[in-house]
Each structure stands twice: as structure tokens, then as C-alpha cells.
Amino acid sequence: MPIPAIDHQTKTYNLQHAYWMCRASELAYKDEATIKAQAEQWGFGQVYHHRTAFTPPFLRRTRRRTPWRATT
């Protein structure tokens, strides 16, 4: 099923816009060159990158099969 191009003017929720926001959120985990190239294909003229040293804690298990615990 073909998906219409992203509507840069929309201000309300619709399934087409939700689809494009999912695709855009996927880009957050790509390298800067990939993000810039994809954003340009989607019609965005400028791309700004945000860098942070923050790393969220993740859950992990120890090798002894102890209960899950938060780590930083």
C-alpha cells in the first residue's frame, strides 16, 4: 500500500502523520549522515543534531540468574 508523502503543514493527528513520526523516530538511532540524507529526501531543508552525554539506566541480569536490577 503506498504511503502519501509527509505533510509538513499538518497540525492534527492522522494515521499518515503517525506513520511518518514513527519513521522519523527510527532515524534518531542512525548516524548524522544517514539522518541528513533521509530528512532531505523527505523535504526537510535543515537538520539539527542534539548530542548528550546522558545514558539512561537499563535492566540487566547477572550470570548467576539473580533477579533483574537497574544499572547505570
PDB file of N, CA and C in Angstrom:
ATOM      1  N   MET A   1       0.843  -1.172   0.000  1.00  0.00           N
ATOM      2  CA  MET A   1       0.000   0.000   0.000  1.00  0.00           C
ATOM      3  C   MET A   1       0.892   1.240   0.000  1.00  0.00           C
ATOM      4  N   PRO A   2       0.747   2.107  -0.957  1.00  0.00           N
ATOM      5  CA  PRO A   2       1.582   3.313  -0.998  1.00  0.00           C
ATOM      6  C   PRO A   2       1.204   4.287   0.122  1.00  0.00           C
ATOM      7  N   ILE A   3       2.216   4.895   0.716  1.00  0.00           N
ATOM      8  CA  ILE A   3       2.012   5.883   1.776  1.00  0.00           C
ATOM      9  C   ILE A   3       2.220   7.269   1.169  1.00  0.00           C
ATOM     10  N   PRO A   4       1.254   8.185   1.350  1.00  0.00           N
ATOM     11  CA  PRO A   4       1.445   9.543   0.829  1.00  0.00           C
ATOM     12  C   PRO A   4       2.655  10.216   1.467  1.00  0.00           C
ATOM     13  N   ALA A   5       3.227  11.168   0.770  1.00  0.00           N
ATOM     14  CA  ALA A   5       4.384  11.909   1.279  1.00  0.00           C
ATOM     15  C   ALA A   5       4.019  12.616   2.574  1.00  0.00           C
ATOM     16  N   ILE A   6       5.020  12.907   3.381  1.00  0.00           N
ATOM     17  CA  ILE A   6       4.789  13.589   4.658  1.00  0.00           C
ATOM     18  C   ILE A   6       4.216  14.983   4.403  1.00  0.00           C
ATOM     19  N   ASP A   7       3.211  15.329   5.190  1.00  0.00           N
ATOM     20  CA  ASP A   7       2.581  16.652   5.095  1.00  0.00           C
ATOM     21  C   ASP A   7       3.249  17.561   6.122  1.00  0.00           C
ATOM     22  N   HIS A   8       4.056  18.491   5.661  1.00  0.00           N
ATOM     23  CA  HIS A   8       4.806  19.369   6.553  1.00  0.00           C
ATOM     24  C   HIS A   8       3.927  20.423   7.211  1.00  0.00           C
ATOM     25  N   GLN A   9       2.697  20.552   6.782  1.00  0.00           N
ATOM     26  CA  GLN A   9       1.809  21.581   7.313  1.00  0.00           C
ATOM     27  C   GLN A   9       0.815  21.059   8.344  1.00  0.00           C
ATOM     28  N   THR A  10       0.701  19.742   8.506  1.00  0.00           N
ATOM     29  CA  THR A  10      -0.319  19.197   9.393  1.00  0.00           C
ATOM     30  C   THR A  10      -0.092  19.587  10.844  1.00  0.00           C
ATOM     31  N   LYS A  11      -1.183  19.812  11.541  1.00  0.00           N
ATOM     32  CA  LYS A  11      -1.115  20.158  12.957  1.00  0.00           C
ATOM     33  C   LYS A  11      -2.057  19.278  13.778  1.00  0.00           C
ATOM     34  N   THR A  12      -2.652  18.297  13.146  1.00  0.00           N
ATOM     35  CA  THR A  12      -3.584  17.409  13.835  1.00  0.00           C
ATOM     36  C   THR A  12      -3.143  15.966  13.652  1.00  0.00           C
ATOM     37  N   TYR A  13      -3.714  15.097  14.472  1.00  0.00           N
ATOM     38  CA  TYR A  13      -3.388  13.683  14.387  1.00  0.00           C
ATOM     39  C   TYR A  13      -4.102  13.046  13.203  1.00  0.00           C
ATOM     40  N   ASN A  14      -3.382  12.222  12.479  1.00  0.00           N
ATOM     41  CA  ASN A  14      -3.974  11.344  11.478  1.00  0.00           C
ATOM     42  C   ASN A  14      -3.013  10.181  11.282  1.00  0.00           C
ATOM     43  N   LEU A  15      -3.498   9.100  10.728  1.00  0.00           N
ATOM     44  CA  LEU A  15      -2.671   7.903  10.599  1.00  0.00           C
ATOM     45  C   LEU A  15      -1.445   8.131   9.722  1.00  0.00           C
ATOM     46  N   GLN A  16      -1.602   8.923   8.670  1.00  0.00           N
ATOM     47  CA  GLN A  16      -0.462   9.212   7.799  1.00  0.00           C
ATOM     48  C   GLN A  16       0.640   9.913   8.590  1.00  0.00           C
ATOM     49  N   HIS A  17       0.277  10.897   9.397  1.00  0.00           N
ATOM     50  CA  HIS A  17       1.261  11.628  10.181  1.00  0.00           C
ATOM     51  C   HIS A  17       1.886  10.720  11.235  1.00  0.00           C
ATOM     52  N   ALA A  18       1.101   9.857  11.865  1.00  0.00           N
ATOM     53  CA  ALA A  18       1.623   8.915  12.853  1.00  0.00           C
ATOM     54  C   ALA A  18       2.664   7.996  12.215  1.00  0.00           C
ATOM     55  N   TYR A  19       2.389   7.552  11.005  1.00  0.00           N
ATOM     56  CA  TYR A  19       3.343   6.705  10.285  1.00  0.00           C
ATOM     57  C   TYR A  19       4.666   7.437  10.109  1.00  0.00           C
ATOM     58  N   TRP A  20       4.608   8.691   9.659  1.00  0.00           N
ATOM     59  CA  TRP A  20       5.839   9.437   9.407  1.00  0.00           C
ATOM     60  C   TRP A  20       6.586   9.771  10.693  1.00  0.00           C
ATOM     61  N   MET A  21       5.870   9.971  11.788  1.00  0.00           N
ATOM     62  CA  MET A  21       6.551  10.221  13.058  1.00  0.00           C
ATOM     63  C   MET A  21       7.267   8.956  13.543  1.00  0.00           C
ATOM     64  N   CYS A  22       6.695   7.796  13.265  1.00  0.00           N
ATOM     65  CA  CYS A  22       7.384   6.532  13.592  1.00  0.00           C
ATOM     66  C   CYS A  22       8.653   6.394  12.763  1.00  0.00           C
ATOM     67  N   ARG A  23       8.562   6.715  11.496  1.00  0.00           N
ATOM     68  CA  ARG A  23       9.753   6.640  10.634  1.00  0.00           C
ATOM     69  C   ARG A  23      10.814   7.628  11.106  1.00  0.00           C
ATOM     70  N   ALA A  24      10.379   8.836  11.505  1.00  0.00           N
ATOM     71  CA  ALA A  24      11.322   9.850  11.974  1.00  0.00           C
ATOM     72  C   ALA A  24      11.978   9.427  13.281  1.00  0.00           C
ATOM     73  N   SER A  25      11.222   8.822  14.183  1.00  0.00           N
ATOM     74  CA  SER A  25      11.810   8.395  15.453  1.00  0.00           C
ATOM     75  C   SER A  25      12.847   7.300  15.237  1.00  0.00           C
ATOM     76  N   GLU A  26      12.659   6.503  14.215  1.00  0.00           N
ATOM     77  CA  GLU A  26      13.637   5.467  13.878  1.00  0.00           C
ATOM     78  C   GLU A  26      14.983   6.089  13.499  1.00  0.00           C
ATOM     79  N   LEU A  27      14.939   7.258  12.888  1.00  0.00           N
ATOM     80  CA  LEU A  27      16.176   7.939  12.481  1.00  0.00           C
ATOM     81  C   LEU A  27      17.028   8.378  13.662  1.00  0.00           C
ATOM     82  N   ALA A  28      16.419   8.553  14.817  1.00  0.00           N
ATOM     83  CA  ALA A  28      17.156   9.038  15.989  1.00  0.00           C
ATOM     84  C   ALA A  28      18.332   8.140  16.342  1.00  0.00           C
ATOM     85  N   TYR A  29      18.301   6.904  15.921  1.00  0.00           N
ATOM     86  CA  TYR A  29      19.354   5.948  16.265  1.00  0.00           C
ATOM     87  C   TYR A  29      20.376   5.761  15.141  1.00  0.00           C
ATOM     88  N   LYS A  30      20.255   6.559  14.094  1.00  0.00           N
ATOM     89  CA  LYS A  30      21.172   6.450  12.949  1.00  0.00           C
ATOM     90  C   LYS A  30      22.289   7.483  13.069  1.00  0.00           C
ATOM     91  N   ASP A  31      23.297   7.356  12.232  1.00  0.00           N
ATOM     92  CA  ASP A  31      24.390   8.327  12.223  1.00  0.00           C
ATOM     93  C   ASP A  31      23.943   9.614  11.532  1.00  0.00           C
ATOM     94  N   GLU A  32      24.693  10.693  11.750  1.00  0.00           N
ATOM     95  CA  GLU A  32      24.298  12.010  11.249  1.00  0.00           C
ATOM     96  C   GLU A  32      24.136  12.056   9.737  1.00  0.00           C
ATOM     97  N   ALA A  33      25.008  11.398   9.001  1.00  0.00           N
ATOM     98  CA  ALA A  33      24.932  11.424   7.538  1.00  0.00           C
ATOM     99  C   ALA A  33      23.643  10.756   7.049  1.00  0.00           C
ATOM    100  N   THR A  34      23.284   9.642   7.657  1.00  0.00           N
ATOM    101  CA  THR A  34      22.061   8.938   7.282  1.00  0.00           C
ATOM    102  C   THR A  34      20.841   9.784   7.596  1.00  0.00           C
ATOM    103  N   ILE A  35      20.838  10.412   8.777  1.00  0.00           N
ATOM    104  CA  ILE A  35      19.717  11.275   9.164  1.00  0.00           C
ATOM    105  C   ILE A  35      19.555  12.410   8.177  1.00  0.00           C
ATOM    106  N   LYS A  36      20.655  13.083   7.867  1.00  0.00           N
ATOM    107  CA  LYS A  36      20.599  14.231   6.950  1.00  0.00           C
ATOM    108  C   LYS A  36      20.096  13.807   5.571  1.00  0.00           C
ATOM    109  N   ALA A  37      20.613  12.723   5.046  1.00  0.00           N
ATOM    110  CA  ALA A  37      20.203  12.258   3.714  1.00  0.00           C
ATOM    111  C   ALA A  37      18.717  11.907   3.687  1.00  0.00           C
ATOM    112  N   GLN A  38      18.238  11.193   4.704  1.00  0.00           N
ATOM    113  CA  GLN A  38      16.835  10.792   4.735  1.00  0.00           C
ATOM    114  C   GLN A  38      15.920  12.003   4.917  1.00  0.00           C
ATOM    115  N   ALA A  39      16.296  12.910   5.815  1.00  0.00           N
ATOM    116  CA  ALA A  39      15.483  14.105   6.049  1.00  0.00           C
ATOM    117  C   ALA A  39      15.375  14.957   4.785  1.00  0.00           C
ATOM    118  N   GLU A  40      16.444  15.055   4.035  1.00  0.00           N
ATOM    119  CA  GLU A  40      16.398  15.803   2.778  1.00  0.00           C
ATOM    120  C   GLU A  40      15.462  15.134   1.775  1.00  0.00           C
ATOM    121  N   GLN A  41      15.475  13.803   1.734  1.00  0.00           N
ATOM    122  CA  GLN A  41      14.549  13.092   0.836  1.00  0.00           C
ATOM    123  C   GLN A  41      13.102  13.343   1.232  1.00  0.00           C
ATOM    124  N   TRP A  42      12.862  13.551   2.514  1.00  0.00           N
ATOM    125  CA  TRP A  42      11.509  13.796   2.992  1.00  0.00           C
ATOM    126  C   TRP A  42      11.107  15.262   2.870  1.00  0.00           C
ATOM    127  N   GLY A  43      12.006  16.124   2.392  1.00  0.00           N
ATOM    128  CA  GLY A  43      11.661  17.517   2.154  1.00  0.00           C
ATOM    129  C   GLY A  43      12.023  18.489   3.256  1.00  0.00           C
ATOM    130  N   PHE A  44      12.847  18.056   4.214  1.00  0.00           N
ATOM    131  CA  PHE A  44      13.276  18.964   5.265  1.00  0.00           C
ATOM    132  C   PHE A  44      14.519  19.694   4.793  1.00  0.00           C
ATOM    133  N   GLY A  45      14.521  21.017   4.903  1.00  0.00           N
ATOM    134  CA  GLY A  45      15.634  21.826   4.431  1.00  0.00           C
ATOM    135  C   GLY A  45      16.795  21.896   5.395  1.00  0.00           C
ATOM    136  N   GLN A  46      16.524  21.776   6.696  1.00  0.00           N
ATOM    137  CA  GLN A  46      17.572  21.861   7.706  1.00  0.00           C
ATOM    138  C   GLN A  46      17.429  20.706   8.687  1.00  0.00           C
ATOM    139  N   VAL A  47      18.566  20.241   9.167  1.00  0.00           N
ATOM    140  CA  VAL A  47      18.585  19.165  10.162  1.00  0.00           C
ATOM    141  C   VAL A  47      19.515  19.603  11.285  1.00  0.00           C
ATOM    142  N   TYR A  48      19.024  19.538  12.521  1.00  0.00           N
ATOM    143  CA  TYR A  48      19.832  19.877  13.680  1.00  0.00           C
ATOM    144  C   TYR A  48      20.067  18.608  14.487  1.00  0.00           C
ATOM    145  N   HIS A  49      21.287  18.425  14.951  1.00  0.00           N
ATOM    146  CA  HIS A  49      21.629  17.247  15.735  1.00  0.00           C
ATOM    147  C   HIS A  49      21.808  17.642  17.193  1.00  0.00           C
ATOM    148  N   HIS A  50      21.335  16.794  18.067  1.00  0.00           N
ATOM    149  CA  HIS A  50      21.474  17.015  19.506  1.00  0.00           C
ATOM    150  C   HIS A  50      22.381  15.928  20.061  1.00  0.00           C
ATOM    151  N   ARG A  51      23.396  16.345  20.782  1.00  0.00           N
ATOM    152  CA  ARG A  51      24.301  15.377  21.406  1.00  0.00           C
ATOM    153  C   ARG A  51      24.206  15.534  22.924  1.00  0.00           C
ATOM    154  N   THR A  52      24.228  14.439  23.606  1.00  0.00           N
ATOM    155  CA  THR A  52      24.175  14.478  25.062  1.00  0.00           C
ATOM    156  C   THR A  52      25.038  13.357  25.628  1.00  0.00           C
ATOM    157  N   ALA A  53      25.537  13.575  26.824  1.00  0.00           N
ATOM    158  CA  ALA A  53      26.335  12.552  27.489  1.00  0.00           C
ATOM    159  C   ALA A  53      25.451  11.653  28.342  1.00  0.00           C
ATOM    160  N   PHE A  54      24.178  11.959  28.426  1.00  0.00           N
ATOM    161  CA  PHE A  54      23.253  11.185  29.241  1.00  0.00           C
ATOM    162  C   PHE A  54      23.061   9.790  28.671  1.00  0.00           C
ATOM    163  N   THR A  55      23.182   8.785  29.518  1.00  0.00           N
ATOM    164  CA  THR A  55      22.861   7.413  29.127  1.00  0.00           C
ATOM    165  C   THR A  55      21.879   6.865  30.149  1.00  0.00           C
ATOM    166  N   PRO A  56      20.680   6.504  29.710  1.00  0.00           N
ATOM    167  CA  PRO A  56      19.682   6.026  30.659  1.00  0.00           C
ATOM    168  C   PRO A  56      20.062   4.669  31.237  1.00  0.00           C
ATOM    169  N   PRO A  57      19.601   4.377  32.439  1.00  0.00           N
ATOM    170  CA  PRO A  57      19.884   3.064  33.027  1.00  0.00           C
ATOM    171  C   PRO A  57      19.081   1.988  32.318  1.00  0.00           C
ATOM    172  N   PHE A  58      19.652   0.814  32.216  1.00  0.00           N
ATOM    173  CA  PHE A  58      18.969  -0.316  31.610  1.00  0.00           C
ATOM    174  C   PHE A  58      18.960  -1.473  32.594  1.00  0.00           C
ATOM    175  N   LEU A  59      18.021  -2.347  32.410  1.00  0.00           N
ATOM    176  CA  LEU A  59      17.954  -3.526  33.263  1.00  0.00           C
ATOM    177  C   LEU A  59      18.861  -4.608  32.702  1.00  0.00           C
ATOM    178  N   ARG A  60      19.495  -5.328  33.577  1.00  0.00           N
ATOM    179  CA  ARG A  60      20.329  -6.435  33.141  1.00  0.00           C
ATOM    180  C   ARG A  60      20.259  -7.535  34.179  1.00  0.00           C
ATOM    181  N   ARG A  61      20.655  -8.696  33.784  1.00  0.00           N
ATOM    182  CA  ARG A  61      20.719  -9.822  34.706  1.00  0.00           C
ATOM    183  C   ARG A  61      22.167 -10.227  34.877  1.00  0.00           C
ATOM    184  N   THR A  62      22.497 -10.664  36.067  1.00  0.00           N
ATOM    185  CA  THR A  62      23.843 -11.180  36.286  1.00  0.00           C
ATOM    186  C   THR A  62      23.887 -12.624  35.801  1.00  0.00           C
ATOM    187  N   ARG A  63      25.055 -13.175  35.690  1.00  0.00           N
ATOM    188  CA  ARG A  63      25.212 -14.540  35.181  1.00  0.00           C
ATOM    189  C   ARG A  63      24.672 -15.594  36.146  1.00  0.00           C
ATOM    190  N   ARG A  64      24.532 -15.238  37.409  1.00  0.00           N
ATOM    191  CA  ARG A  64      24.065 -16.222  38.394  1.00  0.00           C
ATOM    192  C   ARG A  64      22.544 -16.297  38.451  1.00  0.00           C
ATOM    193  N   ARG A  65      21.869 -15.700  37.483  1.00  0.00           N
ATOM    194  CA  ARG A  65      20.409 -15.709  37.411  1.00  0.00           C
ATOM    195  C   ARG A  65      19.757 -15.068  38.627  1.00  0.00           C
ATOM    196  N   THR A  66      20.361 -13.996  39.093  1.00  0.00           N
ATOM    197  CA  THR A  66      19.745 -13.251  40.183  1.00  0.00           C
ATOM    198  C   THR A  66      18.628 -12.397  39.591  1.00  0.00           C
ATOM    199  N   PRO A  67      17.775 -11.845  40.423  1.00  0.00           N
ATOM    200  CA  PRO A  67      16.671 -11.020  39.900  1.00  0.00           C
ATOM    201  C   PRO A  67      17.190  -9.821  39.108  1.00  0.00           C
ATOM    202  N   TRP A  68      16.325  -9.282  38.274  1.00  0.00           N
ATOM    203  CA  TRP A  68      16.666  -8.097  37.487  1.00  0.00           C
ATOM    204  C   TRP A  68      16.989  -6.946  38.408  1.00  0.00           C
ATOM    205  N   ARG A  69      17.932  -6.117  37.997  1.00  0.00           N
ATOM    206  CA  ARG A  69      18.241  -4.925  38.774  1.00  0.00           C
ATOM    207  C   ARG A  69      18.620  -3.797  37.828  1.00  0.00           C
ATOM    208  N   ALA A  70      18.377  -2.585  38.263  1.00  0.00           N
ATOM    209  CA  ALA A  70      18.721  -1.425  37.451  1.00  0.00           C
ATOM    210  C   ALA A  70      20.217  -1.156  37.577  1.00  0.00           C
ATOM    211  N   THR A  71      20.826  -0.790  36.467  1.00  0.00           N
ATOM    212  CA  THR A  71      22.240  -0.426  36.467  1.00  0.00           C
ATOM    213  C   THR A  71      22.394   0.907  35.783  1.00  0.00           C
ATOM    214  N   THR A  72      23.478   1.574  36.045  1.00  0.00           N
ATOM    215  CA  THR A  72      23.743   2.848  35.373  1.00  0.00           C
ATOM    216  C   THR A  72      25.058   2.794  34.657  1.00  0.00           C
TER     217      THR A  72
END
